[in-house]
Amino acid sequence: MSKELINRLLSIAVGGLLLAGILFLGLQLFGEKENKINLALGLFCVTLGNLFNIVRAHLK
């Protein structure tokens, strides 16, 4: 695969993961507070999105 295609796919993945992370963190803040699974999922999505972003930056 070409670098342009990999860059575009990683960009889409980063955007989707960051959006999912914001959604999960918002559900944790404004939803029921007893369950902490939304917090863990949100932090995992944001961390994975940042990792993909670092990989994308090093491919250029």
PDB file of N, CA and C in Angstrom:
ATOM      1  N   MET A   1       0.837  -1.177   0.000  1.00  0.00           N
ATOM      2  CA  MET A   1       0.000   0.000   0.000  1.00  0.00           C
ATOM      3  C   MET A   1       0.884   1.243   0.000  1.00  0.00           C
ATOM      4  N   SER A   2       0.367   2.289  -0.566  1.00  0.00           N
ATOM      5  CA  SER A   2       1.134   3.523  -0.647  1.00  0.00           C
ATOM      6  C   SER A   2       1.062   4.277   0.684  1.00  0.00           C
ATOM      7  N   LYS A   3       2.011   5.168   0.877  1.00  0.00           N
ATOM      8  CA  LYS A   3       2.053   5.946   2.113  1.00  0.00           C
ATOM      9  C   LYS A   3       0.853   6.874   2.233  1.00  0.00           C
ATOM     10  N   GLU A   4       0.369   7.369   1.100  1.00  0.00           N
ATOM     11  CA  GLU A   4      -0.797   8.258   1.127  1.00  0.00           C
ATOM     12  C   GLU A   4      -2.036   7.523   1.629  1.00  0.00           C
ATOM     13  N   LEU A   5      -2.225   6.290   1.183  1.00  0.00           N
ATOM     14  CA  LEU A   5      -3.376   5.508   1.620  1.00  0.00           C
ATOM     15  C   LEU A   5      -3.270   5.158   3.098  1.00  0.00           C
ATOM     16  N   ILE A   6      -2.079   4.766   3.534  1.00  0.00           N
ATOM     17  CA  ILE A   6      -1.878   4.449   4.948  1.00  0.00           C
ATOM     18  C   ILE A   6      -2.109   5.690   5.801  1.00  0.00           C
ATOM     19  N   ASN A   7      -1.623   6.833   5.347  1.00  0.00           N
ATOM     20  CA  ASN A   7      -1.821   8.087   6.070  1.00  0.00           C
ATOM     21  C   ASN A   7      -3.302   8.432   6.184  1.00  0.00           C
ATOM     22  N   ARG A   8      -4.041   8.254   5.093  1.00  0.00           N
ATOM     23  CA  ARG A   8      -5.471   8.557   5.106  1.00  0.00           C
ATOM     24  C   ARG A   8      -6.226   7.605   6.029  1.00  0.00           C
ATOM     25  N   LEU A   9      -5.898   6.316   5.983  1.00  0.00           N
ATOM     26  CA  LEU A   9      -6.568   5.348   6.852  1.00  0.00           C
ATOM     27  C   LEU A   9      -6.263   5.600   8.332  1.00  0.00           C
ATOM     28  N   LEU A  10      -5.015   5.941   8.628  1.00  0.00           N
ATOM     29  CA  LEU A  10      -4.672   6.257  10.015  1.00  0.00           C
ATOM     30  C   LEU A  10      -5.365   7.534  10.479  1.00  0.00           C
ATOM     31  N   SER A  11      -5.512   8.502   9.586  1.00  0.00           N
ATOM     32  CA  SER A  11      -6.221   9.737   9.942  1.00  0.00           C
ATOM     33  C   SER A  11      -7.684   9.454  10.273  1.00  0.00           C
ATOM     34  N   ILE A  12      -8.312   8.599   9.482  1.00  0.00           N
ATOM     35  CA  ILE A  12      -9.706   8.231   9.732  1.00  0.00           C
ATOM     36  C   ILE A  12      -9.823   7.476  11.053  1.00  0.00           C
ATOM     37  N   ALA A  13      -8.874   6.571  11.315  1.00  0.00           N
ATOM     38  CA  ALA A  13      -8.885   5.811  12.559  1.00  0.00           C
ATOM     39  C   ALA A  13      -8.681   6.721  13.764  1.00  0.00           C
ATOM     40  N   VAL A  14      -7.767   7.677  13.647  1.00  0.00           N
ATOM     41  CA  VAL A  14      -7.517   8.619  14.745  1.00  0.00           C
ATOM     42  C   VAL A  14      -8.764   9.445  15.025  1.00  0.00           C
ATOM     43  N   GLY A  15      -9.382   9.961  13.987  1.00  0.00           N
ATOM     44  CA  GLY A  15     -10.599  10.753  14.173  1.00  0.00           C
ATOM     45  C   GLY A  15     -11.725   9.959  14.803  1.00  0.00           C
ATOM     46  N   GLY A  16     -11.911   8.739  14.338  1.00  0.00           N
ATOM     47  CA  GLY A  16     -12.970   7.893  14.899  1.00  0.00           C
ATOM     48  C   GLY A  16     -12.710   7.520  16.347  1.00  0.00           C
ATOM     49  N   LEU A  17     -11.465   7.187  16.668  1.00  0.00           N
ATOM     50  CA  LEU A  17     -11.142   6.824  18.049  1.00  0.00           C
ATOM     51  C   LEU A  17     -11.266   8.015  18.984  1.00  0.00           C
ATOM     52  N   LEU A  18     -10.842   9.186  18.550  1.00  0.00           N
ATOM     53  CA  LEU A  18     -10.978  10.357  19.409  1.00  0.00           C
ATOM     54  C   LEU A  18     -12.442  10.736  19.603  1.00  0.00           C
ATOM     55  N   LEU A  19     -13.239  10.595  18.568  1.00  0.00           N
ATOM     56  CA  LEU A  19     -14.670  10.855  18.700  1.00  0.00           C
ATOM     57  C   LEU A  19     -15.322   9.852  19.647  1.00  0.00           C
ATOM     58  N   ALA A  20     -14.954   8.578  19.528  1.00  0.00           N
ATOM     59  CA  ALA A  20     -15.490   7.559  20.430  1.00  0.00           C
ATOM     60  C   ALA A  20     -15.036   7.815  21.865  1.00  0.00           C
ATOM     61  N   GLY A  21     -13.778   8.246  22.034  1.00  0.00           N
ATOM     62  CA  GLY A  21     -13.286   8.554  23.371  1.00  0.00           C
ATOM     63  C   GLY A  21     -14.045   9.702  24.006  1.00  0.00           C
ATOM     64  N   ILE A  22     -14.306  10.746  23.231  1.00  0.00           N
ATOM     65  CA  ILE A  22     -15.082  11.882  23.744  1.00  0.00           C
ATOM     66  C   ILE A  22     -16.499  11.441  24.103  1.00  0.00           C
ATOM     67  N   LEU A  23     -17.080  10.578  23.287  1.00  0.00           N
ATOM     68  CA  LEU A  23     -18.427  10.071  23.559  1.00  0.00           C
ATOM     69  C   LEU A  23     -18.468   9.276  24.862  1.00  0.00           C
ATOM     70  N   PHE A  24     -17.517   8.369  25.043  1.00  0.00           N
ATOM     71  CA  PHE A  24     -17.488   7.569  26.262  1.00  0.00           C
ATOM     72  C   PHE A  24     -17.230   8.433  27.502  1.00  0.00           C
ATOM     73  N   LEU A  25     -16.337   9.396  27.379  1.00  0.00           N
ATOM     74  CA  LEU A  25     -16.072  10.272  28.521  1.00  0.00           C
ATOM     75  C   LEU A  25     -17.283  11.154  28.832  1.00  0.00           C
ATOM     76  N   GLY A  26     -17.992  11.579  27.799  1.00  0.00           N
ATOM     77  CA  GLY A  26     -19.223  12.339  28.026  1.00  0.00           C
ATOM     78  C   GLY A  26     -20.299  11.502  28.692  1.00  0.00           C
ATOM     79  N   LEU A  27     -20.390  10.243  28.285  1.00  0.00           N
ATOM     80  CA  LEU A  27     -21.356   9.354  28.943  1.00  0.00           C
ATOM     81  C   LEU A  27     -20.992   9.132  30.406  1.00  0.00           C
ATOM     82  N   GLN A  28     -19.705   9.075  30.700  1.00  0.00           N
ATOM     83  CA  GLN A  28     -19.272   8.902  32.080  1.00  0.00           C
ATOM     84  C   GLN A  28     -19.603  10.143  32.912  1.00  0.00           C
ATOM     85  N   LEU A  29     -19.394  11.314  32.326  1.00  0.00           N
ATOM     86  CA  LEU A  29     -19.638  12.547  33.072  1.00  0.00           C
ATOM     87  C   LEU A  29     -21.121  12.802  33.304  1.00  0.00           C
ATOM     88  N   PHE A  30     -21.934  12.544  32.286  1.00  0.00           N
ATOM     89  CA  PHE A  30     -23.334  12.918  32.364  1.00  0.00           C
ATOM     90  C   PHE A  30     -24.279  11.740  32.570  1.00  0.00           C
ATOM     91  N   GLY A  31     -23.756  10.537  32.592  1.00  0.00           N
ATOM     92  CA  GLY A  31     -24.593   9.356  32.780  1.00  0.00           C
ATOM     93  C   GLY A  31     -24.545   8.873  34.217  1.00  0.00           C
ATOM     94  N   GLU A  32     -24.839   7.596  34.396  1.00  0.00           N
ATOM     95  CA  GLU A  32     -24.791   7.026  35.739  1.00  0.00           C
ATOM     96  C   GLU A  32     -23.343   6.912  36.200  1.00  0.00           C
ATOM     97  N   LYS A  33     -23.111   7.211  37.454  1.00  0.00           N
ATOM     98  CA  LYS A  33     -21.750   7.307  37.967  1.00  0.00           C
ATOM     99  C   LYS A  33     -21.279   6.020  38.644  1.00  0.00           C
ATOM    100  N   GLU A  34     -22.143   5.031  38.758  1.00  0.00           N
ATOM    101  CA  GLU A  34     -21.766   3.810  39.465  1.00  0.00           C
ATOM    102  C   GLU A  34     -20.805   2.945  38.657  1.00  0.00           C
ATOM    103  N   ASN A  35     -20.959   2.933  37.356  1.00  0.00           N
ATOM    104  CA  ASN A  35     -20.162   2.077  36.494  1.00  0.00           C
ATOM    105  C   ASN A  35     -19.006   2.878  35.900  1.00  0.00           C
ATOM    106  N   LYS A  36     -17.784   2.380  36.072  1.00  0.00           N
ATOM    107  CA  LYS A  36     -16.599   3.095  35.583  1.00  0.00           C
ATOM    108  C   LYS A  36     -16.101   2.551  34.249  1.00  0.00           C
ATOM    109  N   ILE A  37     -16.855   1.679  33.590  1.00  0.00           N
ATOM    110  CA  ILE A  37     -16.394   1.080  32.342  1.00  0.00           C
ATOM    111  C   ILE A  37     -16.329   2.124  31.227  1.00  0.00           C
ATOM    112  N   ASN A  38     -17.241   3.107  31.235  1.00  0.00           N
ATOM    113  CA  ASN A  38     -17.196   4.154  30.213  1.00  0.00           C
ATOM    114  C   ASN A  38     -15.928   4.986  30.333  1.00  0.00           C
ATOM    115  N   LEU A  39     -15.482   5.239  31.552  1.00  0.00           N
ATOM    116  CA  LEU A  39     -14.256   5.982  31.761  1.00  0.00           C
ATOM    117  C   LEU A  39     -13.058   5.220  31.210  1.00  0.00           C
ATOM    118  N   ALA A  40     -12.994   3.930  31.496  1.00  0.00           N
ATOM    119  CA  ALA A  40     -11.888   3.107  30.997  1.00  0.00           C
ATOM    120  C   ALA A  40     -11.904   3.019  29.476  1.00  0.00           C
ATOM    121  N   LEU A  41     -13.069   2.837  28.882  1.00  0.00           N
ATOM    122  CA  LEU A  41     -13.167   2.765  27.423  1.00  0.00           C
ATOM    123  C   LEU A  41     -12.802   4.089  26.770  1.00  0.00           C
ATOM    124  N   GLY A  42     -13.235   5.191  27.357  1.00  0.00           N
ATOM    125  CA  GLY A  42     -12.907   6.499  26.818  1.00  0.00           C
ATOM    126  C   GLY A  42     -11.413   6.771  26.850  1.00  0.00           C
ATOM    127  N   LEU A  43     -10.789   6.461  27.964  1.00  0.00           N
ATOM    128  CA  LEU A  43      -9.349   6.673  28.071  1.00  0.00           C
ATOM    129  C   LEU A  43      -8.580   5.741  27.139  1.00  0.00           C
ATOM    130  N   PHE A  44      -9.055   4.516  26.963  1.00  0.00           N
ATOM    131  CA  PHE A  44      -8.412   3.582  26.040  1.00  0.00           C
ATOM    132  C   PHE A  44      -8.509   4.082  24.600  1.00  0.00           C
ATOM    133  N   CYS A  45      -9.684   4.569  24.199  1.00  0.00           N
ATOM    134  CA  CYS A  45      -9.859   5.071  22.830  1.00  0.00           C
ATOM    135  C   CYS A  45      -8.983   6.293  22.566  1.00  0.00           C
ATOM    136  N   VAL A  46      -8.911   7.196  23.522  1.00  0.00           N
ATOM    137  CA  VAL A  46      -8.091   8.396  23.350  1.00  0.00           C
ATOM    138  C   VAL A  46      -6.612   8.015  23.281  1.00  0.00           C
ATOM    139  N   THR A  47      -6.186   7.093  24.140  1.00  0.00           N
ATOM    140  CA  THR A  47      -4.791   6.658  24.136  1.00  0.00           C
ATOM    141  C   THR A  47      -4.435   5.962  22.831  1.00  0.00           C
ATOM    142  N   LEU A  48      -5.295   5.088  22.349  1.00  0.00           N
ATOM    143  CA  LEU A  48      -5.039   4.391  21.095  1.00  0.00           C
ATOM    144  C   LEU A  48      -5.036   5.359  19.920  1.00  0.00           C
ATOM    145  N   GLY A  49      -5.931   6.345  19.936  1.00  0.00           N
ATOM    146  CA  GLY A  49      -5.946   7.357  18.888  1.00  0.00           C
ATOM    147  C   GLY A  49      -4.663   8.176  18.866  1.00  0.00           C
ATOM    148  N   ASN A  50      -4.161   8.523  20.046  1.00  0.00           N
ATOM    149  CA  ASN A  50      -2.899   9.259  20.117  1.00  0.00           C
ATOM    150  C   ASN A  50      -1.734   8.408  19.643  1.00  0.00           C
ATOM    151  N   LEU A  51      -1.747   7.126  19.952  1.00  0.00           N
ATOM    152  CA  LEU A  51      -0.697   6.223  19.479  1.00  0.00           C
ATOM    153  C   LEU A  51      -0.712   6.126  17.953  1.00  0.00           C
ATOM    154  N   PHE A  52      -1.894   5.993  17.357  1.00  0.00           N
ATOM    155  CA  PHE A  52      -2.002   5.967  15.899  1.00  0.00           C
ATOM    156  C   PHE A  52      -1.523   7.287  15.289  1.00  0.00           C
ATOM    157  N   ASN A  53      -1.794   8.388  15.961  1.00  0.00           N
ATOM    158  CA  ASN A  53      -1.359   9.681  15.470  1.00  0.00           C
ATOM    159  C   ASN A  53       0.164   9.792  15.489  1.00  0.00           C
ATOM    160  N   ILE A  54       0.806   9.242  16.506  1.00  0.00           N
ATOM    161  CA  ILE A  54       2.267   9.236  16.567  1.00  0.00           C
ATOM    162  C   ILE A  54       2.839   8.369  15.437  1.00  0.00           C
ATOM    163  N   VAL A  55       2.233   7.219  15.198  1.00  0.00           N
ATOM    164  CA  VAL A  55       2.673   6.357  14.109  1.00  0.00           C
ATOM    165  C   VAL A  55       2.521   7.060  12.767  1.00  0.00           C
ATOM    166  N   ARG A  56       1.405   7.753  12.595  1.00  0.00           N
ATOM    167  CA  ARG A  56       1.158   8.479  11.349  1.00  0.00           C
ATOM    168  C   ARG A  56       2.183   9.590  11.143  1.00  0.00           C
ATOM    169  N   ALA A  57       2.583  10.251  12.211  1.00  0.00           N
ATOM    170  CA  ALA A  57       3.555  11.330  12.113  1.00  0.00           C
ATOM    171  C   ALA A  57       4.938  10.797  11.729  1.00  0.00           C
ATOM    172  N   HIS A  58       5.268   9.586  12.175  1.00  0.00           N
ATOM    173  CA  HIS A  58       6.575   9.020  11.870  1.00  0.00           C
ATOM    174  C   HIS A  58       6.633   8.380  10.488  1.00  0.00           C
ATOM    175  N   LEU A  59       5.498   8.168   9.842  1.00  0.00           N
ATOM    176  CA  LEU A  59       5.489   7.592   8.495  1.00  0.00           C
ATOM    177  C   LEU A  59       5.773   8.615   7.420  1.00  0.00           C
ATOM    178  N   LYS A  60       5.627   9.895   7.738  1.00  0.00           N
ATOM    179  CA  LYS A  60       5.816  10.942   6.725  1.00  0.00           C
ATOM    180  C   LYS A  60       7.244  11.084   6.317  1.00  0.00           C
TER     181      LYS A  60
END
